[in-house]
Amino acid sequence: MAPIPKNIIVTGAGGFIGPLLAARLLNDPGYRLILTDLVDPVVPTGLKYPQNVTTMKGDICDPAFVSSLLEAARPLSAIFIFHGIMSAGSEANWDLSLRVNVNSVRDLLVALRDTYPGVRVIYSSSQAVYGQPLPEGMVTDAVTPTPEGTYGAHKLLTEAFINDMHRRGFIDAFCLRFPTVSVRPGRPTSAASSFLSGMIREPMKGEECVVPLCDRAFRSFLTSPDCLQENLIRVLNMDSAKLPKHIRHINIPGISVSIQELMDALAKYGSEDKLKYLKEETNPDLERILRSWAPEIDTTTPLKLGLIKDESAEALVKQYIDSLKA
């Protein structure tokens, strides 16, 4: 007799990371997914077990919808909390960010405590929790988060709430501080870092991408979709005791990459003529957000926990361009 699949909820499944995770889990008969978002959740194609997915469109800020979502997942094994307002969107609308990035997550967590005490929770935080003053070199585990934007501040608020809920045994949680994911397929987002995918993705379609600062030495901390997908699976199955009860964050490993390195990789794997689609034009609001983030983060701890990272900027770009040929 085949084992009963484990029920897993993925919120924010109309975005990019939810379907990325679903594509992996739905090729394993051991999982049943409930994908939810305010828009129609994206169900990947080419799945081995498409019968193991259910989609629920609704407002995660609505308690009645949350109740129906949790009931549909009975018995729940784990939840990935991916929904939220992105960095530039949060900065533009503080109240919306508070409602979605803080209040809806808090209310969902309390509902989980009441319905499925001790359930595995994997929360998508961000390395935007770090801000100035940053140390020379890389950010280490000893650096105190000092977010300079609404997005990072609201992520850090939620991390503290999750830490306490885990410590008290209400949930079994990990907070994953994501690097910028590049190269993302699809459309641009409201993230300040969206151009870090766009400057590869759009030229490969023959479309223009605006780079919002005129500094090719500017560095960002990036991870590829493939590495992020693998790391999400590893955290899903990670021993909870690997982290202290009151400190539940993990800096997802990435690599420090400059704009020039991305341009060089685009020219190498796309072609030199693709560079003509890049327009460098300073956007002071976006540049302020971007320069508040850490350009490099120490990966010693997450690698010891068994996570992985990419090899180079060239590997990131080649992975995406090769996917276009597949």
C-alpha atoms as a PDB file:
ATOM      1  CA  MET A   1       0.000   0.000   0.000  1.00  0.00           C
ATOM      2  CA  ALA A   2       1.437   3.377  -1.031  1.00  0.00           C
ATOM      3  CA  PRO A   3       2.090   5.881   1.792  1.00  0.00           C
ATOM      4  CA  ILE A   4      -0.351   8.756   2.210  1.00  0.00           C
ATOM      5  CA  PRO A   5       1.132  11.950   0.692  1.00  0.00           C
ATOM      6  CA  LYS A   6       2.126  14.737   3.056  1.00  0.00           C
ATOM      7  CA  ASN A   7      -0.027  17.847   2.741  1.00  0.00           C
ATOM      8  CA  ILE A   8       1.908  21.080   2.166  1.00  0.00           C
ATOM      9  CA  ILE A   9       0.510  24.597   1.696  1.00  0.00           C
ATOM     10  CA  VAL A  10       2.386  27.135  -0.439  1.00  0.00           C
ATOM     11  CA  THR A  11       1.185  30.746  -0.132  1.00  0.00           C
ATOM     12  CA  GLY A  12       2.083  33.351  -2.741  1.00  0.00           C
ATOM     13  CA  ALA A  13       1.934  30.589  -5.356  1.00  0.00           C
ATOM     14  CA  GLY A  14       1.053  33.023  -8.139  1.00  0.00           C
ATOM     15  CA  GLY A  15       4.623  34.324  -8.028  1.00  0.00           C
ATOM     16  CA  PHE A  16       7.893  32.695  -9.032  1.00  0.00           C
ATOM     17  CA  ILE A  17       9.247  30.785  -6.030  1.00  0.00           C
ATOM     18  CA  GLY A  18       6.020  28.911  -5.232  1.00  0.00           C
ATOM     19  CA  PRO A  19       5.770  27.261  -8.668  1.00  0.00           C
ATOM     20  CA  LEU A  20       9.547  26.637  -8.590  1.00  0.00           C
ATOM     21  CA  LEU A  21       9.095  24.613  -5.404  1.00  0.00           C
ATOM     22  CA  ALA A  22       5.910  22.957  -6.669  1.00  0.00           C
ATOM     23  CA  ALA A  23       7.695  21.725  -9.801  1.00  0.00           C
ATOM     24  CA  ARG A  24      10.057  19.765  -7.568  1.00  0.00           C
ATOM     25  CA  LEU A  25       7.582  18.455  -4.985  1.00  0.00           C
ATOM     26  CA  LEU A  26       4.976  17.364  -7.532  1.00  0.00           C
ATOM     27  CA  ASN A  27       7.482  15.034  -9.156  1.00  0.00           C
ATOM     28  CA  ASP A  28       7.514  13.093  -5.876  1.00  0.00           C
ATOM     29  CA  PRO A  29       4.469  10.933  -4.999  1.00  0.00           C
ATOM     30  CA  GLY A  30       5.054  11.663  -1.313  1.00  0.00           C
ATOM     31  CA  TYR A  31       3.548  15.174  -1.410  1.00  0.00           C
ATOM     32  CA  ARG A  32       0.148  16.762  -1.955  1.00  0.00           C
ATOM     33  CA  LEU A  33       0.245  20.536  -2.471  1.00  0.00           C
ATOM     34  CA  ILE A  34      -2.320  23.255  -1.842  1.00  0.00           C
ATOM     35  CA  LEU A  35      -1.215  26.309  -3.833  1.00  0.00           C
ATOM     36  CA  THR A  36      -2.828  29.624  -2.921  1.00  0.00           C
ATOM     37  CA  ASP A  37      -2.624  33.279  -3.896  1.00  0.00           C
ATOM     38  CA  LEU A  38      -4.755  36.368  -4.426  1.00  0.00           C
ATOM     39  CA  VAL A  39      -4.398  35.700  -8.161  1.00  0.00           C
ATOM     40  CA  ASP A  40      -4.693  32.318  -9.816  1.00  0.00           C
ATOM     41  CA  PRO A  41      -1.848  30.129  -8.503  1.00  0.00           C
ATOM     42  CA  VAL A  42       0.583  28.909 -11.140  1.00  0.00           C
ATOM     43  CA  VAL A  43       0.654  25.131 -11.632  1.00  0.00           C
ATOM     44  CA  PRO A  44       3.851  24.030 -13.403  1.00  0.00           C
ATOM     45  CA  THR A  45       3.617  21.864 -16.508  1.00  0.00           C
ATOM     46  CA  GLY A  46       5.231  18.493 -17.139  1.00  0.00           C
ATOM     47  CA  LEU A  47       4.544  17.121 -13.646  1.00  0.00           C
ATOM     48  CA  LYS A  48       4.688  13.422 -12.787  1.00  0.00           C
ATOM     49  CA  TYR A  49       1.875  13.728 -10.249  1.00  0.00           C
ATOM     50  CA  PRO A  50      -0.414  16.606 -11.342  1.00  0.00           C
ATOM     51  CA  GLN A  51      -3.299  14.926  -9.494  1.00  0.00           C
ATOM     52  CA  ASN A  52      -1.533  15.830  -6.219  1.00  0.00           C
ATOM     53  CA  VAL A  53      -2.112  19.580  -6.503  1.00  0.00           C
ATOM     54  CA  THR A  54      -5.074  21.717  -5.467  1.00  0.00           C
ATOM     55  CA  THR A  55      -5.307  25.472  -6.103  1.00  0.00           C
ATOM     56  CA  MET A  56      -7.207  27.951  -3.942  1.00  0.00           C
ATOM     57  CA  LYS A  57      -7.565  31.567  -5.036  1.00  0.00           C
ATOM     58  CA  GLY A  58      -8.294  33.932  -2.170  1.00  0.00           C
ATOM     59  CA  ASP A  59      -7.155  36.721   0.132  1.00  0.00           C
ATOM     60  CA  ILE A  60      -4.703  35.488   2.781  1.00  0.00           C
ATOM     61  CA  CYS A  61      -5.638  38.599   4.798  1.00  0.00           C
ATOM     62  CA  ASP A  62      -9.207  37.257   5.179  1.00  0.00           C
ATOM     63  CA  PRO A  63      -9.638  35.054   8.302  1.00  0.00           C
ATOM     64  CA  ALA A  64     -12.491  33.117   6.680  1.00  0.00           C
ATOM     65  CA  PHE A  65     -10.304  32.234   3.703  1.00  0.00           C
ATOM     66  CA  VAL A  66      -7.436  31.207   5.987  1.00  0.00           C
ATOM     67  CA  SER A  67      -9.783  28.872   7.876  1.00  0.00           C
ATOM     68  CA  SER A  68     -10.937  27.224   4.640  1.00  0.00           C
ATOM     69  CA  LEU A  69      -7.342  26.923   3.447  1.00  0.00           C
ATOM     70  CA  LEU A  70      -6.185  25.184   6.617  1.00  0.00           C
ATOM     71  CA  GLU A  71      -9.209  22.885   6.567  1.00  0.00           C
ATOM     72  CA  ALA A  72      -8.467  21.877   2.954  1.00  0.00           C
ATOM     73  CA  ALA A  73      -4.944  20.858   3.982  1.00  0.00           C
ATOM     74  CA  ARG A  74      -5.972  18.562   6.828  1.00  0.00           C
ATOM     75  CA  PRO A  75      -3.780  16.981   8.115  1.00  0.00           C
ATOM     76  CA  LEU A  76      -1.115  19.604   7.410  1.00  0.00           C
ATOM     77  CA  SER A  77       2.567  18.585   7.395  1.00  0.00           C
ATOM     78  CA  ALA A  78       4.216  21.888   6.431  1.00  0.00           C
ATOM     79  CA  ILE A  79       3.588  25.366   5.052  1.00  0.00           C
ATOM     80  CA  PHE A  80       5.807  27.603   2.929  1.00  0.00           C
ATOM     81  CA  ILE A  81       4.903  31.264   3.483  1.00  0.00           C
ATOM     82  CA  PHE A  82       5.933  33.042   0.284  1.00  0.00           C
ATOM     83  CA  HIS A  83       3.254  35.713  -0.113  1.00  0.00           C
ATOM     84  CA  GLY A  84       4.116  39.378   0.328  1.00  0.00           C
ATOM     85  CA  ILE A  85       4.627  42.841  -1.103  1.00  0.00           C
ATOM     86  CA  MET A  86       8.090  43.269  -2.622  1.00  0.00           C
ATOM     87  CA  SER A  87      10.750  45.804  -1.633  1.00  0.00           C
ATOM     88  CA  ALA A  88       9.920  48.807  -3.841  1.00  0.00           C
ATOM     89  CA  GLY A  89       6.203  48.115  -3.436  1.00  0.00           C
ATOM     90  CA  SER A  90       6.559  48.094   0.353  1.00  0.00           C
ATOM     91  CA  GLU A  91       8.458  51.363   0.320  1.00  0.00           C
ATOM     92  CA  ALA A  92       5.765  52.950  -1.833  1.00  0.00           C
ATOM     93  CA  ASN A  93       2.863  51.750   0.334  1.00  0.00           C
ATOM     94  CA  TRP A  94       3.697  51.271   4.031  1.00  0.00           C
ATOM     95  CA  ASP A  95       0.128  50.414   5.038  1.00  0.00           C
ATOM     96  CA  LEU A  96      -0.185  47.704   2.402  1.00  0.00           C
ATOM     97  CA  SER A  97       3.134  46.199   3.467  1.00  0.00           C
ATOM     98  CA  LEU A  98       1.998  46.219   7.103  1.00  0.00           C
ATOM     99  CA  ARG A  99      -1.269  44.515   6.167  1.00  0.00           C
ATOM    100  CA  VAL A 100       0.267  41.821   3.975  1.00  0.00           C
ATOM    101  CA  ASN A 101       3.860  41.360   5.144  1.00  0.00           C
ATOM    102  CA  VAL A 102       3.170  41.605   8.887  1.00  0.00           C
ATOM    103  CA  ASN A 103      -0.478  41.301   9.887  1.00  0.00           C
ATOM    104  CA  SER A 104      -1.527  38.539   7.498  1.00  0.00           C
ATOM    105  CA  VAL A 105       1.510  36.426   8.404  1.00  0.00           C
ATOM    106  CA  ARG A 106       0.961  36.959  12.126  1.00  0.00           C
ATOM    107  CA  ASP A 107      -2.703  35.968  11.872  1.00  0.00           C
ATOM    108  CA  LEU A 108      -1.843  32.927   9.743  1.00  0.00           C
ATOM    109  CA  LEU A 109       0.748  31.788  12.281  1.00  0.00           C
ATOM    110  CA  VAL A 110      -1.701  32.111  15.164  1.00  0.00           C
ATOM    111  CA  ALA A 111      -4.263  30.097  13.173  1.00  0.00           C
ATOM    112  CA  LEU A 112      -1.615  27.434  12.568  1.00  0.00           C
ATOM    113  CA  ARG A 113      -0.862  27.287  16.287  1.00  0.00           C
ATOM    114  CA  ASP A 114      -4.537  26.761  17.032  1.00  0.00           C
ATOM    115  CA  THR A 115      -5.167  24.235  14.244  1.00  0.00           C
ATOM    116  CA  TYR A 116      -1.893  22.361  13.726  1.00  0.00           C
ATOM    117  CA  PRO A 117       0.352  22.965  16.764  1.00  0.00           C
ATOM    118  CA  GLY A 118       4.003  22.178  16.075  1.00  0.00           C
ATOM    119  CA  VAL A 119       3.631  22.202  12.272  1.00  0.00           C
ATOM    120  CA  ARG A 120       6.717  22.882  10.135  1.00  0.00           C
ATOM    121  CA  VAL A 121       6.705  26.516   8.938  1.00  0.00           C
ATOM    122  CA  ILE A 122       9.178  27.808   6.348  1.00  0.00           C
ATOM    123  CA  TYR A 123       9.010  31.585   6.083  1.00  0.00           C
ATOM    124  CA  SER A 124      10.543  33.595   3.255  1.00  0.00           C
ATOM    125  CA  SER A 125      12.425  36.447   4.863  1.00  0.00           C
ATOM    126  CA  SER A 126      15.055  38.497   3.052  1.00  0.00           C
ATOM    127  CA  GLN A 127      18.603  39.725   3.314  1.00  0.00           C
ATOM    128  CA  ALA A 128      17.006  43.174   3.150  1.00  0.00           C
ATOM    129  CA  VAL A 129      16.939  42.886   6.963  1.00  0.00           C
ATOM    130  CA  TYR A 130      20.550  44.081   6.784  1.00  0.00           C
ATOM    131  CA  GLY A 131      21.294  47.773   6.341  1.00  0.00           C
ATOM    132  CA  GLN A 132      23.908  50.350   7.146  1.00  0.00           C
ATOM    133  CA  PRO A 133      26.251  50.475   8.886  1.00  0.00           C
ATOM    134  CA  LEU A 134      27.615  47.364   7.182  1.00  0.00           C
ATOM    135  CA  PRO A 135      31.083  45.994   7.947  1.00  0.00           C
ATOM    136  CA  GLU A 136      33.953  46.131   5.503  1.00  0.00           C
ATOM    137  CA  GLY A 137      33.882  42.910   3.552  1.00  0.00           C
ATOM    138  CA  MET A 138      31.033  40.483   4.168  1.00  0.00           C
ATOM    139  CA  VAL A 139      28.173  40.339   6.640  1.00  0.00           C
ATOM    140  CA  THR A 140      28.748  37.605   9.233  1.00  0.00           C
ATOM    141  CA  ASP A 141      26.422  35.957  11.752  1.00  0.00           C
ATOM    142  CA  ALA A 142      27.607  38.506  14.318  1.00  0.00           C
ATOM    143  CA  VAL A 143      26.167  41.486  12.396  1.00  0.00           C
ATOM    144  CA  THR A 144      22.960  42.915  13.849  1.00  0.00           C
ATOM    145  CA  PRO A 145      20.194  43.457  11.262  1.00  0.00           C
ATOM    146  CA  THR A 146      19.448  47.168  10.816  1.00  0.00           C
ATOM    147  CA  PRO A 147      17.000  47.412   7.895  1.00  0.00           C
ATOM    148  CA  GLU A 148      16.807  50.729   6.071  1.00  0.00           C
ATOM    149  CA  GLY A 149      13.608  49.981   4.172  1.00  0.00           C
ATOM    150  CA  THR A 150      10.033  49.069   5.034  1.00  0.00           C
ATOM    151  CA  TYR A 151      10.342  45.655   3.383  1.00  0.00           C
ATOM    152  CA  GLY A 152      13.337  44.618   5.491  1.00  0.00           C
ATOM    153  CA  ALA A 153      11.868  46.114   8.668  1.00  0.00           C
ATOM    154  CA  HIS A 154       8.612  44.207   8.265  1.00  0.00           C
ATOM    155  CA  LYS A 155      10.467  40.978   7.501  1.00  0.00           C
ATOM    156  CA  LEU A 156      12.544  41.417  10.657  1.00  0.00           C
ATOM    157  CA  LEU A 157       9.411  42.080  12.739  1.00  0.00           C
ATOM    158  CA  THR A 158       7.960  38.801  11.535  1.00  0.00           C
ATOM    159  CA  GLU A 159      11.184  36.916  12.184  1.00  0.00           C
ATOM    160  CA  ALA A 160      11.077  37.993  15.839  1.00  0.00           C
ATOM    161  CA  PHE A 161       7.450  36.845  16.118  1.00  0.00           C
ATOM    162  CA  ILE A 162       8.325  33.473  14.569  1.00  0.00           C
ATOM    163  CA  ASN A 163      11.330  33.030  16.868  1.00  0.00           C
ATOM    164  CA  ASP A 164       9.113  33.384  19.913  1.00  0.00           C
ATOM    165  CA  MET A 165       6.404  31.093  18.540  1.00  0.00           C
ATOM    166  CA  HIS A 166       8.991  28.414  17.830  1.00  0.00           C
ATOM    167  CA  ARG A 167      10.604  28.823  21.257  1.00  0.00           C
ATOM    168  CA  ARG A 168       7.232  28.263  22.890  1.00  0.00           C
ATOM    169  CA  GLY A 169       6.571  25.144  20.805  1.00  0.00           C
ATOM    170  CA  PHE A 170       3.633  26.629  18.896  1.00  0.00           C
ATOM    171  CA  ILE A 171       5.253  25.945  15.500  1.00  0.00           C
ATOM    172  CA  ASP A 172       8.432  24.302  14.138  1.00  0.00           C
ATOM    173  CA  ALA A 173       9.911  27.116  12.091  1.00  0.00           C
ATOM    174  CA  PHE A 174      12.763  28.237   9.884  1.00  0.00           C
ATOM    175  CA  CYS A 175      13.104  31.827   8.571  1.00  0.00           C
ATOM    176  CA  LEU A 176      15.003  31.871   5.295  1.00  0.00           C
ATOM    177  CA  ARG A 177      16.726  35.126   4.403  1.00  0.00           C
ATOM    178  CA  PHE A 178      16.661  34.945   0.619  1.00  0.00           C
ATOM    179  CA  PRO A 179      19.287  36.575  -1.575  1.00  0.00           C
ATOM    180  CA  THR A 180      18.109  38.093  -4.832  1.00  0.00           C
ATOM    181  CA  VAL A 181      17.083  35.249  -7.153  1.00  0.00           C
ATOM    182  CA  SER A 182      18.623  35.625 -10.588  1.00  0.00           C
ATOM    183  CA  VAL A 183      17.881  34.878 -13.314  1.00  0.00           C
ATOM    184  CA  ARG A 184      14.107  34.728 -12.822  1.00  0.00           C
ATOM    185  CA  PRO A 185      11.996  33.931 -15.882  1.00  0.00           C
ATOM    186  CA  GLY A 186       8.708  35.721 -16.473  1.00  0.00           C
ATOM    187  CA  ARG A 187       7.840  39.372 -15.936  1.00  0.00           C
ATOM    188  CA  PRO A 188       9.572  42.147 -13.960  1.00  0.00           C
ATOM    189  CA  THR A 189       8.437  42.526 -10.347  1.00  0.00           C
ATOM    190  CA  SER A 190       8.120  45.438  -7.930  1.00  0.00           C
ATOM    191  CA  ALA A 191      11.371  44.436  -6.219  1.00  0.00           C
ATOM    192  CA  ALA A 192      14.157  47.020  -6.322  1.00  0.00           C
ATOM    193  CA  SER A 193      16.419  44.180  -7.453  1.00  0.00           C
ATOM    194  CA  SER A 194      14.181  43.115 -10.350  1.00  0.00           C
ATOM    195  CA  PHE A 195      16.673  44.448 -12.912  1.00  0.00           C
ATOM    196  CA  LEU A 196      19.233  41.837 -11.812  1.00  0.00           C
ATOM    197  CA  SER A 197      17.132  39.290 -13.678  1.00  0.00           C
ATOM    198  CA  GLY A 198      15.820  41.730 -16.258  1.00  0.00           C
ATOM    199  CA  MET A 199      19.275  42.675 -17.527  1.00  0.00           C
ATOM    200  CA  ILE A 200      19.671  39.083 -18.746  1.00  0.00           C
ATOM    201  CA  ARG A 201      16.071  38.082 -19.412  1.00  0.00           C
ATOM    202  CA  GLU A 202      14.915  41.116 -21.381  1.00  0.00           C
ATOM    203  CA  PRO A 203      17.890  41.376 -23.787  1.00  0.00           C
ATOM    204  CA  MET A 204      17.483  37.676 -24.567  1.00  0.00           C
ATOM    205  CA  LYS A 205      13.958  38.578 -25.753  1.00  0.00           C
ATOM    206  CA  GLY A 206      15.191  41.599 -27.693  1.00  0.00           C
ATOM    207  CA  GLU A 207      13.698  43.983 -25.117  1.00  0.00           C
ATOM    208  CA  GLU A 208      15.211  46.886 -23.177  1.00  0.00           C
ATOM    209  CA  CYS A 209      16.064  46.703 -19.471  1.00  0.00           C
ATOM    210  CA  VAL A 210      16.811  49.775 -17.368  1.00  0.00           C
ATOM    211  CA  VAL A 211      19.659  49.343 -14.870  1.00  0.00           C
ATOM    212  CA  PRO A 212      18.748  51.852 -12.126  1.00  0.00           C
ATOM    213  CA  LEU A 213      22.259  52.928 -11.193  1.00  0.00           C
ATOM    214  CA  CYS A 214      25.324  53.956 -13.178  1.00  0.00           C
ATOM    215  CA  ASP A 215      27.934  51.908 -11.355  1.00  0.00           C
ATOM    216  CA  ARG A 216      29.056  48.692 -12.989  1.00  0.00           C
ATOM    217  CA  ALA A 217      31.153  47.794  -9.931  1.00  0.00           C
ATOM    218  CA  PHE A 218      27.987  47.654  -7.777  1.00  0.00           C
ATOM    219  CA  ARG A 219      27.674  44.192  -6.242  1.00  0.00           C
ATOM    220  CA  SER A 220      24.626  42.191  -5.194  1.00  0.00           C
ATOM    221  CA  PHE A 221      24.202  38.867  -3.405  1.00  0.00           C
ATOM    222  CA  LEU A 222      22.505  36.381  -5.753  1.00  0.00           C
ATOM    223  CA  THR A 223      21.294  32.809  -5.959  1.00  0.00           C
ATOM    224  CA  SER A 224      20.050  30.874  -8.964  1.00  0.00           C
ATOM    225  CA  PRO A 225      16.570  29.325  -9.142  1.00  0.00           C
ATOM    226  CA  ASP A 226      18.092  25.833  -9.204  1.00  0.00           C
ATOM    227  CA  CYS A 227      20.101  26.376  -6.028  1.00  0.00           C
ATOM    228  CA  LEU A 228      17.160  27.976  -4.244  1.00  0.00           C
ATOM    229  CA  GLN A 229      14.872  25.096  -5.215  1.00  0.00           C
ATOM    230  CA  GLU A 230      17.315  22.537  -3.819  1.00  0.00           C
ATOM    231  CA  ASN A 231      17.840  24.518  -0.618  1.00  0.00           C
ATOM    232  CA  LEU A 232      14.094  24.762   0.002  1.00  0.00           C
ATOM    233  CA  ILE A 233      13.820  20.973  -0.146  1.00  0.00           C
ATOM    234  CA  ARG A 234      16.770  20.585   2.216  1.00  0.00           C
ATOM    235  CA  VAL A 235      15.211  22.961   4.762  1.00  0.00           C
ATOM    236  CA  LEU A 236      11.858  21.164   4.497  1.00  0.00           C
ATOM    237  CA  ASN A 237      13.610  18.025   5.714  1.00  0.00           C
ATOM    238  CA  MET A 238      16.096  19.688   8.096  1.00  0.00           C
ATOM    239  CA  ASP A 239      16.413  18.621  11.718  1.00  0.00           C
ATOM    240  CA  SER A 240      14.851  21.388  13.806  1.00  0.00           C
ATOM    241  CA  ALA A 241      17.527  20.995  16.492  1.00  0.00           C
ATOM    242  CA  LYS A 242      20.208  22.328  14.126  1.00  0.00           C
ATOM    243  CA  LEU A 243      19.273  25.880  15.194  1.00  0.00           C
ATOM    244  CA  PRO A 244      18.738  27.340  18.685  1.00  0.00           C
ATOM    245  CA  LYS A 245      15.095  27.472  19.769  1.00  0.00           C
ATOM    246  CA  HIS A 246      15.030  31.284  19.751  1.00  0.00           C
ATOM    247  CA  ILE A 247      17.168  31.940  16.644  1.00  0.00           C
ATOM    248  CA  ARG A 248      15.497  30.451  13.590  1.00  0.00           C
ATOM    249  CA  HIS A 249      16.936  32.364  10.638  1.00  0.00           C
ATOM    250  CA  ILE A 250      19.208  30.959   7.943  1.00  0.00           C
ATOM    251  CA  ASN A 251      20.979  33.144   5.395  1.00  0.00           C
ATOM    252  CA  ILE A 252      20.354  31.227   2.182  1.00  0.00           C
ATOM    253  CA  PRO A 253      23.744  30.956   0.446  1.00  0.00           C
ATOM    254  CA  GLY A 254      24.530  33.139  -2.542  1.00  0.00           C
ATOM    255  CA  ILE A 255      27.423  34.707  -4.374  1.00  0.00           C
ATOM    256  CA  SER A 256      28.501  38.343  -4.663  1.00  0.00           C
ATOM    257  CA  VAL A 257      28.166  39.496  -8.280  1.00  0.00           C
ATOM    258  CA  SER A 258      28.827  42.863  -9.936  1.00  0.00           C
ATOM    259  CA  ILE A 259      26.783  44.458 -12.709  1.00  0.00           C
ATOM    260  CA  GLN A 260      29.851  44.255 -14.932  1.00  0.00           C
ATOM    261  CA  GLU A 261      30.160  40.507 -14.306  1.00  0.00           C
ATOM    262  CA  LEU A 262      26.545  40.018 -15.344  1.00  0.00           C
ATOM    263  CA  MET A 263      27.106  42.100 -18.477  1.00  0.00           C
ATOM    264  CA  ASP A 264      30.205  40.076 -19.352  1.00  0.00           C
ATOM    265  CA  ALA A 265      28.302  36.812 -18.896  1.00  0.00           C
ATOM    266  CA  LEU A 266      25.439  38.099 -21.056  1.00  0.00           C
ATOM    267  CA  ALA A 267      27.885  38.948 -23.814  1.00  0.00           C
ATOM    268  CA  LYS A 268      29.600  35.549 -23.499  1.00  0.00           C
ATOM    269  CA  TYR A 269      26.532  33.298 -23.434  1.00  0.00           C
ATOM    270  CA  GLY A 270      23.962  35.528 -25.139  1.00  0.00           C
ATOM    271  CA  SER A 271      26.109  37.597 -27.533  1.00  0.00           C
ATOM    272  CA  GLU A 272      27.743  41.016 -27.551  1.00  0.00           C
ATOM    273  CA  ASP A 273      24.809  42.557 -29.420  1.00  0.00           C
ATOM    274  CA  LYS A 274      22.498  41.855 -26.454  1.00  0.00           C
ATOM    275  CA  LEU A 275      24.291  44.576 -24.475  1.00  0.00           C
ATOM    276  CA  LYS A 276      22.623  47.253 -26.597  1.00  0.00           C
ATOM    277  CA  TYR A 277      19.341  46.532 -24.784  1.00  0.00           C
ATOM    278  CA  LEU A 278      20.766  47.649 -21.419  1.00  0.00           C
ATOM    279  CA  LYS A 279      20.069  51.271 -20.476  1.00  0.00           C
ATOM    280  CA  GLU A 280      21.925  52.612 -17.444  1.00  0.00           C
ATOM    281  CA  GLU A 281      19.850  55.356 -15.849  1.00  0.00           C
ATOM    282  CA  THR A 282      20.024  56.389 -12.203  1.00  0.00           C
ATOM    283  CA  ASN A 283      16.835  56.011 -10.163  1.00  0.00           C
ATOM    284  CA  PRO A 284      17.630  57.651  -6.793  1.00  0.00           C
ATOM    285  CA  ASP A 285      14.833  55.875  -4.900  1.00  0.00           C
ATOM    286  CA  LEU A 286      15.828  52.422  -6.113  1.00  0.00           C
ATOM    287  CA  GLU A 287      19.528  53.134  -5.747  1.00  0.00           C
ATOM    288  CA  ARG A 288      19.057  54.108  -2.102  1.00  0.00           C
ATOM    289  CA  ILE A 289      17.345  50.785  -1.374  1.00  0.00           C
ATOM    290  CA  LEU A 290      19.912  48.772  -3.315  1.00  0.00           C
ATOM    291  CA  ARG A 291      22.902  50.385  -1.629  1.00  0.00           C
ATOM    292  CA  SER A 292      21.433  49.711   1.810  1.00  0.00           C
ATOM    293  CA  TRP A 293      21.689  45.943   1.233  1.00  0.00           C
ATOM    294  CA  ALA A 294      24.708  43.777   1.993  1.00  0.00           C
ATOM    295  CA  PRO A 295      26.800  43.049  -1.123  1.00  0.00           C
ATOM    296  CA  GLU A 296      28.156  39.816   0.373  1.00  0.00           C
ATOM    297  CA  ILE A 297      27.111  37.537   3.243  1.00  0.00           C
ATOM    298  CA  ASP A 298      29.186  34.855   4.945  1.00  0.00           C
ATOM    299  CA  THR A 299      27.946  31.415   3.874  1.00  0.00           C
ATOM    300  CA  THR A 300      29.890  29.345   6.414  1.00  0.00           C
ATOM    301  CA  THR A 301      26.908  28.534   8.643  1.00  0.00           C
ATOM    302  CA  PRO A 302      24.356  27.615   5.941  1.00  0.00           C
ATOM    303  CA  LEU A 303      26.915  25.463   4.135  1.00  0.00           C
ATOM    304  CA  LYS A 304      27.593  23.618   7.416  1.00  0.00           C
ATOM    305  CA  LEU A 305      23.836  23.077   7.680  1.00  0.00           C
ATOM    306  CA  GLY A 306      23.986  21.276   4.336  1.00  0.00           C
ATOM    307  CA  LEU A 307      22.830  23.988   1.938  1.00  0.00           C
ATOM    308  CA  ILE A 308      24.482  24.754  -1.407  1.00  0.00           C
ATOM    309  CA  LYS A 309      25.443  27.796  -3.484  1.00  0.00           C
ATOM    310  CA  ASP A 310      26.261  28.675  -7.089  1.00  0.00           C
ATOM    311  CA  GLU A 311      29.767  28.701  -8.507  1.00  0.00           C
ATOM    312  CA  SER A 312      29.902  32.037 -10.328  1.00  0.00           C
ATOM    313  CA  ALA A 313      28.053  34.828 -12.129  1.00  0.00           C
ATOM    314  CA  GLU A 314      28.741  33.041 -15.402  1.00  0.00           C
ATOM    315  CA  ALA A 315      27.056  29.897 -14.067  1.00  0.00           C
ATOM    316  CA  LEU A 316      23.940  31.886 -13.098  1.00  0.00           C
ATOM    317  CA  VAL A 317      23.606  33.415 -16.551  1.00  0.00           C
ATOM    318  CA  LYS A 318      24.481  30.226 -18.440  1.00  0.00           C
ATOM    319  CA  GLN A 319      21.834  28.297 -16.473  1.00  0.00           C
ATOM    320  CA  TYR A 320      19.143  30.709 -17.639  1.00  0.00           C
ATOM    321  CA  ILE A 321      20.269  30.990 -21.270  1.00  0.00           C
ATOM    322  CA  ASP A 322      20.592  27.204 -21.538  1.00  0.00           C
ATOM    323  CA  SER A 323      17.017  26.891 -20.227  1.00  0.00           C
ATOM    324  CA  LEU A 324      15.796  28.985 -23.173  1.00  0.00           C
ATOM    325  CA  LYS A 325      17.281  26.426 -25.549  1.00  0.00           C
ATOM    326  CA  ALA A 326      15.735  23.426 -23.780  1.00  0.00           C
END
